[in-house]
Amino acid sequence: MTKILVIEDELSVRDNILELLEANNFQVTESDNGLAGIQLATQQLPDLIVCDVMMPELDGYEVLTALRSNPATQTIPFIFLTAKASRDDWRQGMELGSDDYLTKPFTAKELLSAIATRLSKQMAIQQQSEAKLDELRSNITSALPRELQTPLNSIVGTSQTL
């Protein structure tokens, strides 16, 4: 089951998002501020994070910056939800590494579509990484016996001479 962390300080908005995600078979964890959200993200390593921008403790930009600087959480897809709809705000979020930026009010369809897009992109990246890792393993497996045999050839040749 896909795990999603929702970091939202407004209780009614958070409850609506949780209800929507749970109805669509996601395992959901919630936080009401940025600091607690970072702690949950590092402990639970969710598959995706949905985060408000304007919150107490740490704002969404600070949350994203902290998560992107941690190797364990830096590749988790991150979607901003915010009432800040200016082009500068959107650019700031994207420059920090956000994967999507939805402005409030948003529809259930918009949120679910953004989540599906980010999760499918993450899955494609994982599959590509696994394919490259398998290729590397194969190359090492085929090259290693030859590399070990080269020094043995000189040892065998020297022993035959003796």
C-alpha atoms as a PDB file:
ATOM      1  CA  MET A   1       0.000   0.000   0.000  1.00  0.00           C
ATOM      2  CA  THR A   2       1.339   3.448  -0.926  1.00  0.00           C
ATOM      3  CA  LYS A   3       2.234   5.625   2.076  1.00  0.00           C
ATOM      4  CA  ILE A   4       1.507   9.353   1.875  1.00  0.00           C
ATOM      5  CA  LEU A   5       2.449  11.953   4.467  1.00  0.00           C
ATOM      6  CA  VAL A   6       0.144  14.991   4.634  1.00  0.00           C
ATOM      7  CA  ILE A   7       1.606  18.082   6.325  1.00  0.00           C
ATOM      8  CA  GLU A   8      -1.179  20.647   6.714  1.00  0.00           C
ATOM      9  CA  ASP A   9      -1.928  23.002   9.611  1.00  0.00           C
ATOM     10  CA  GLU A  10      -5.619  23.629   8.820  1.00  0.00           C
ATOM     11  CA  LEU A  11      -7.574  20.796  10.422  1.00  0.00           C
ATOM     12  CA  SER A  12     -10.543  20.904   8.021  1.00  0.00           C
ATOM     13  CA  VAL A  13      -8.326  20.840   4.923  1.00  0.00           C
ATOM     14  CA  ARG A  14      -6.144  18.078   6.404  1.00  0.00           C
ATOM     15  CA  ASP A  15      -9.199  15.975   7.311  1.00  0.00           C
ATOM     16  CA  ASN A  16     -10.622  16.346   3.797  1.00  0.00           C
ATOM     17  CA  ILE A  17      -7.324  15.292   2.231  1.00  0.00           C
ATOM     18  CA  LEU A  18      -6.976  12.329   4.599  1.00  0.00           C
ATOM     19  CA  GLU A  19     -10.522  11.180   3.877  1.00  0.00           C
ATOM     20  CA  LEU A  20      -9.967  11.464   0.117  1.00  0.00           C
ATOM     21  CA  LEU A  21      -6.672   9.567   0.192  1.00  0.00           C
ATOM     22  CA  GLU A  22      -7.922   6.825   2.492  1.00  0.00           C
ATOM     23  CA  ALA A  23     -10.985   6.376   0.251  1.00  0.00           C
ATOM     24  CA  ASN A  24      -8.535   5.830  -2.622  1.00  0.00           C
ATOM     25  CA  ASN A  25      -6.621   3.093  -0.745  1.00  0.00           C
ATOM     26  CA  PHE A  26      -3.592   5.088   0.375  1.00  0.00           C
ATOM     27  CA  GLN A  27      -2.010   4.608   3.782  1.00  0.00           C
ATOM     28  CA  VAL A  28      -1.946   8.132   5.213  1.00  0.00           C
ATOM     29  CA  THR A  29       0.082   9.759   7.987  1.00  0.00           C
ATOM     30  CA  GLU A  30      -0.562  13.320   9.065  1.00  0.00           C
ATOM     31  CA  SER A  31       1.209  16.233  10.668  1.00  0.00           C
ATOM     32  CA  ASP A  32      -0.061  19.677  11.637  1.00  0.00           C
ATOM     33  CA  ASN A  33       3.264  21.514  11.341  1.00  0.00           C
ATOM     34  CA  GLY A  34       6.508  21.433   9.389  1.00  0.00           C
ATOM     35  CA  LEU A  35       8.840  20.379  12.176  1.00  0.00           C
ATOM     36  CA  ALA A  36       6.760  17.327  13.097  1.00  0.00           C
ATOM     37  CA  GLY A  37       6.345  16.595   9.382  1.00  0.00           C
ATOM     38  CA  ILE A  38      10.107  16.391   8.885  1.00  0.00           C
ATOM     39  CA  GLN A  39      10.403  14.012  11.822  1.00  0.00           C
ATOM     40  CA  LEU A  40       7.641  11.764  10.466  1.00  0.00           C
ATOM     41  CA  ALA A  41       9.163  11.794   6.985  1.00  0.00           C
ATOM     42  CA  THR A  42      12.580  10.713   8.247  1.00  0.00           C
ATOM     43  CA  GLN A  43      11.108   8.028  10.513  1.00  0.00           C
ATOM     44  CA  GLN A  44       8.546   6.544   8.140  1.00  0.00           C
ATOM     45  CA  LEU A  45       9.988   7.320   4.687  1.00  0.00           C
ATOM     46  CA  PRO A  46       6.640   7.764   2.904  1.00  0.00           C
ATOM     47  CA  ASP A  47       6.242   7.185  -0.825  1.00  0.00           C
ATOM     48  CA  LEU A  48       4.999  10.764  -1.332  1.00  0.00           C
ATOM     49  CA  ILE A  49       4.584  13.960   0.711  1.00  0.00           C
ATOM     50  CA  VAL A  50       1.775  16.507   0.351  1.00  0.00           C
ATOM     51  CA  CYS A  51       2.637  19.721   2.174  1.00  0.00           C
ATOM     52  CA  ASP A  52       1.117  23.147   2.790  1.00  0.00           C
ATOM     53  CA  VAL A  53       3.400  26.167   2.373  1.00  0.00           C
ATOM     54  CA  MET A  54       2.210  28.521   5.113  1.00  0.00           C
ATOM     55  CA  MET A  55       2.450  26.709   8.474  1.00  0.00           C
ATOM     56  CA  PRO A  56       3.706  27.246  12.016  1.00  0.00           C
ATOM     57  CA  GLU A  57       7.122  26.002  13.224  1.00  0.00           C
ATOM     58  CA  LEU A  58       8.585  25.625   9.726  1.00  0.00           C
ATOM     59  CA  ASP A  59       6.937  26.682   6.481  1.00  0.00           C
ATOM     60  CA  GLY A  60       6.682  24.325   3.524  1.00  0.00           C
ATOM     61  CA  TYR A  61       9.751  25.775   1.824  1.00  0.00           C
ATOM     62  CA  GLU A  62      11.856  25.046   4.918  1.00  0.00           C
ATOM     63  CA  VAL A  63      10.378  21.539   5.125  1.00  0.00           C
ATOM     64  CA  LEU A  64      11.293  20.842   1.513  1.00  0.00           C
ATOM     65  CA  THR A  65      14.792  22.258   1.955  1.00  0.00           C
ATOM     66  CA  ALA A  66      15.380  20.050   5.013  1.00  0.00           C
ATOM     67  CA  LEU A  67      14.044  16.931   3.276  1.00  0.00           C
ATOM     68  CA  ARG A  68      16.087  17.514   0.115  1.00  0.00           C
ATOM     69  CA  SER A  69      19.275  17.884   2.190  1.00  0.00           C
ATOM     70  CA  ASN A  70      18.756  14.486   3.859  1.00  0.00           C
ATOM     71  CA  PRO A  71      19.921  11.527   1.699  1.00  0.00           C
ATOM     72  CA  ALA A  72      17.156   9.304   3.102  1.00  0.00           C
ATOM     73  CA  THR A  73      14.363  11.683   2.060  1.00  0.00           C
ATOM     74  CA  GLN A  74      15.785  13.650  -0.845  1.00  0.00           C
ATOM     75  CA  THR A  75      14.095  11.605  -3.582  1.00  0.00           C
ATOM     76  CA  ILE A  76      10.620  11.360  -2.033  1.00  0.00           C
ATOM     77  CA  PRO A  77       8.111  13.013  -4.398  1.00  0.00           C
ATOM     78  CA  PHE A  78       6.857  16.271  -2.872  1.00  0.00           C
ATOM     79  CA  ILE A  79       3.666  18.179  -3.729  1.00  0.00           C
ATOM     80  CA  PHE A  80       2.938  21.657  -2.395  1.00  0.00           C
ATOM     81  CA  LEU A  81      -0.644  22.676  -1.573  1.00  0.00           C
ATOM     82  CA  THR A  82      -1.031  26.381  -0.963  1.00  0.00           C
ATOM     83  CA  ALA A  83      -3.123  29.504  -1.247  1.00  0.00           C
ATOM     84  CA  LYS A  84       0.024  31.328  -2.441  1.00  0.00           C
ATOM     85  CA  ALA A  85      -0.686  31.392  -6.134  1.00  0.00           C
ATOM     86  CA  SER A  86       1.743  33.997  -7.455  1.00  0.00           C
ATOM     87  CA  ARG A  87       4.255  33.053 -10.119  1.00  0.00           C
ATOM     88  CA  ASP A  88       7.143  33.899  -7.745  1.00  0.00           C
ATOM     89  CA  ASP A  89       5.793  31.541  -5.069  1.00  0.00           C
ATOM     90  CA  TRP A  90       5.339  28.779  -7.626  1.00  0.00           C
ATOM     91  CA  ARG A  91       8.874  29.316  -8.970  1.00  0.00           C
ATOM     92  CA  GLN A  92      10.341  29.265  -5.466  1.00  0.00           C
ATOM     93  CA  GLY A  93       8.693  25.926  -4.747  1.00  0.00           C
ATOM     94  CA  MET A  94       9.863  24.406  -8.001  1.00  0.00           C
ATOM     95  CA  GLU A  95      13.416  25.730  -7.601  1.00  0.00           C
ATOM     96  CA  LEU A  96      13.630  24.098  -4.165  1.00  0.00           C
ATOM     97  CA  GLY A  97      12.792  20.762  -5.776  1.00  0.00           C
ATOM     98  CA  SER A  98       9.040  20.394  -5.449  1.00  0.00           C
ATOM     99  CA  ASP A  99       7.543  17.915  -7.883  1.00  0.00           C
ATOM    100  CA  ASP A 100       4.206  19.723  -8.151  1.00  0.00           C
ATOM    101  CA  TYR A 101       2.481  22.853  -6.878  1.00  0.00           C
ATOM    102  CA  LEU A 102      -1.310  22.880  -6.433  1.00  0.00           C
ATOM    103  CA  THR A 103      -3.100  26.056  -5.439  1.00  0.00           C
ATOM    104  CA  LYS A 104      -6.045  26.125  -3.054  1.00  0.00           C
ATOM    105  CA  PRO A 105      -8.838  25.582  -3.662  1.00  0.00           C
ATOM    106  CA  PHE A 106      -8.070  22.416  -5.582  1.00  0.00           C
ATOM    107  CA  THR A 107     -10.340  19.579  -6.633  1.00  0.00           C
ATOM    108  CA  ALA A 108     -10.065  15.964  -5.581  1.00  0.00           C
ATOM    109  CA  LYS A 109      -9.385  15.076  -9.199  1.00  0.00           C
ATOM    110  CA  GLU A 110      -6.455  17.533  -9.376  1.00  0.00           C
ATOM    111  CA  LEU A 111      -4.874  16.165  -6.205  1.00  0.00           C
ATOM    112  CA  LEU A 112      -5.331  12.521  -7.177  1.00  0.00           C
ATOM    113  CA  SER A 113      -3.995  13.208 -10.660  1.00  0.00           C
ATOM    114  CA  ALA A 114      -0.909  14.958  -9.285  1.00  0.00           C
ATOM    115  CA  ILE A 115      -0.291  12.073  -6.881  1.00  0.00           C
ATOM    116  CA  ALA A 116      -0.717   9.449  -9.610  1.00  0.00           C
ATOM    117  CA  THR A 117       1.645  11.322 -11.925  1.00  0.00           C
ATOM    118  CA  ARG A 118       4.352  11.692  -9.273  1.00  0.00           C
ATOM    119  CA  LEU A 119       4.079   8.070  -8.153  1.00  0.00           C
ATOM    120  CA  SER A 120       4.279   6.738 -11.714  1.00  0.00           C
ATOM    121  CA  LYS A 121       7.306   8.929 -12.413  1.00  0.00           C
ATOM    122  CA  GLN A 122       8.967   7.670  -9.218  1.00  0.00           C
ATOM    123  CA  MET A 123       8.219   4.074 -10.243  1.00  0.00           C
ATOM    124  CA  ALA A 124       9.794   4.645 -13.668  1.00  0.00           C
ATOM    125  CA  ILE A 125      12.915   6.100 -12.049  1.00  0.00           C
ATOM    126  CA  GLN A 126      13.140   3.108  -9.694  1.00  0.00           C
ATOM    127  CA  GLN A 127      12.782   0.647 -12.552  1.00  0.00           C
ATOM    128  CA  GLN A 128      15.466   2.442 -14.542  1.00  0.00           C
ATOM    129  CA  SER A 129      17.818   2.406 -11.545  1.00  0.00           C
ATOM    130  CA  GLU A 130      17.198  -1.291 -10.976  1.00  0.00           C
ATOM    131  CA  ALA A 131      17.877  -2.049 -14.650  1.00  0.00           C
ATOM    132  CA  LYS A 132      21.186  -0.178 -14.494  1.00  0.00           C
ATOM    133  CA  LEU A 133      22.113  -1.976 -11.284  1.00  0.00           C
ATOM    134  CA  ASP A 134      21.310  -5.352 -12.866  1.00  0.00           C
ATOM    135  CA  GLU A 135      23.460  -4.449 -15.884  1.00  0.00           C
ATOM    136  CA  LEU A 136      26.334  -3.460 -13.597  1.00  0.00           C
ATOM    137  CA  ARG A 137      26.027  -6.730 -11.673  1.00  0.00           C
ATOM    138  CA  SER A 138      26.082  -8.663 -14.918  1.00  0.00           C
ATOM    139  CA  ASN A 139      29.152  -6.800 -16.171  1.00  0.00           C
ATOM    140  CA  ILE A 140      31.005  -7.379 -12.908  1.00  0.00           C
ATOM    141  CA  THR A 141      30.050 -11.048 -12.869  1.00  0.00           C
ATOM    142  CA  SER A 142      31.356 -11.595 -16.399  1.00  0.00           C
ATOM    143  CA  ALA A 143      34.517  -9.472 -16.024  1.00  0.00           C
ATOM    144  CA  LEU A 144      35.604 -10.640 -12.589  1.00  0.00           C
ATOM    145  CA  PRO A 145      36.573 -14.250 -13.512  1.00  0.00           C
ATOM    146  CA  ARG A 146      38.799 -12.980 -16.342  1.00  0.00           C
ATOM    147  CA  GLU A 147      40.468 -10.443 -14.066  1.00  0.00           C
ATOM    148  CA  LEU A 148      41.175 -13.122 -11.479  1.00  0.00           C
ATOM    149  CA  GLN A 149      42.478 -15.513 -14.127  1.00  0.00           C
ATOM    150  CA  THR A 150      45.106 -13.084 -15.484  1.00  0.00           C
ATOM    151  CA  PRO A 151      47.387 -13.176 -12.400  1.00  0.00           C
ATOM    152  CA  LEU A 152      46.823 -16.926 -12.091  1.00  0.00           C
ATOM    153  CA  ASN A 153      48.137 -17.458 -15.634  1.00  0.00           C
ATOM    154  CA  SER A 154      51.514 -15.951 -14.717  1.00  0.00           C
ATOM    155  CA  ILE A 155      51.672 -17.987 -11.510  1.00  0.00           C
ATOM    156  CA  VAL A 156      50.873 -21.217 -13.387  1.00  0.00           C
ATOM    157  CA  GLY A 157      53.402 -20.347 -16.119  1.00  0.00           C
ATOM    158  CA  THR A 158      56.117 -19.654 -13.552  1.00  0.00           C
ATOM    159  CA  SER A 159      55.396 -22.886 -11.672  1.00  0.00           C
ATOM    160  CA  GLN A 160      55.586 -24.892 -14.916  1.00  0.00           C
ATOM    161  CA  THR A 161      58.952 -23.338 -15.652  1.00  0.00           C
ATOM    162  CA  LEU A 162      60.226 -24.341 -12.212  1.00  0.00           C
END
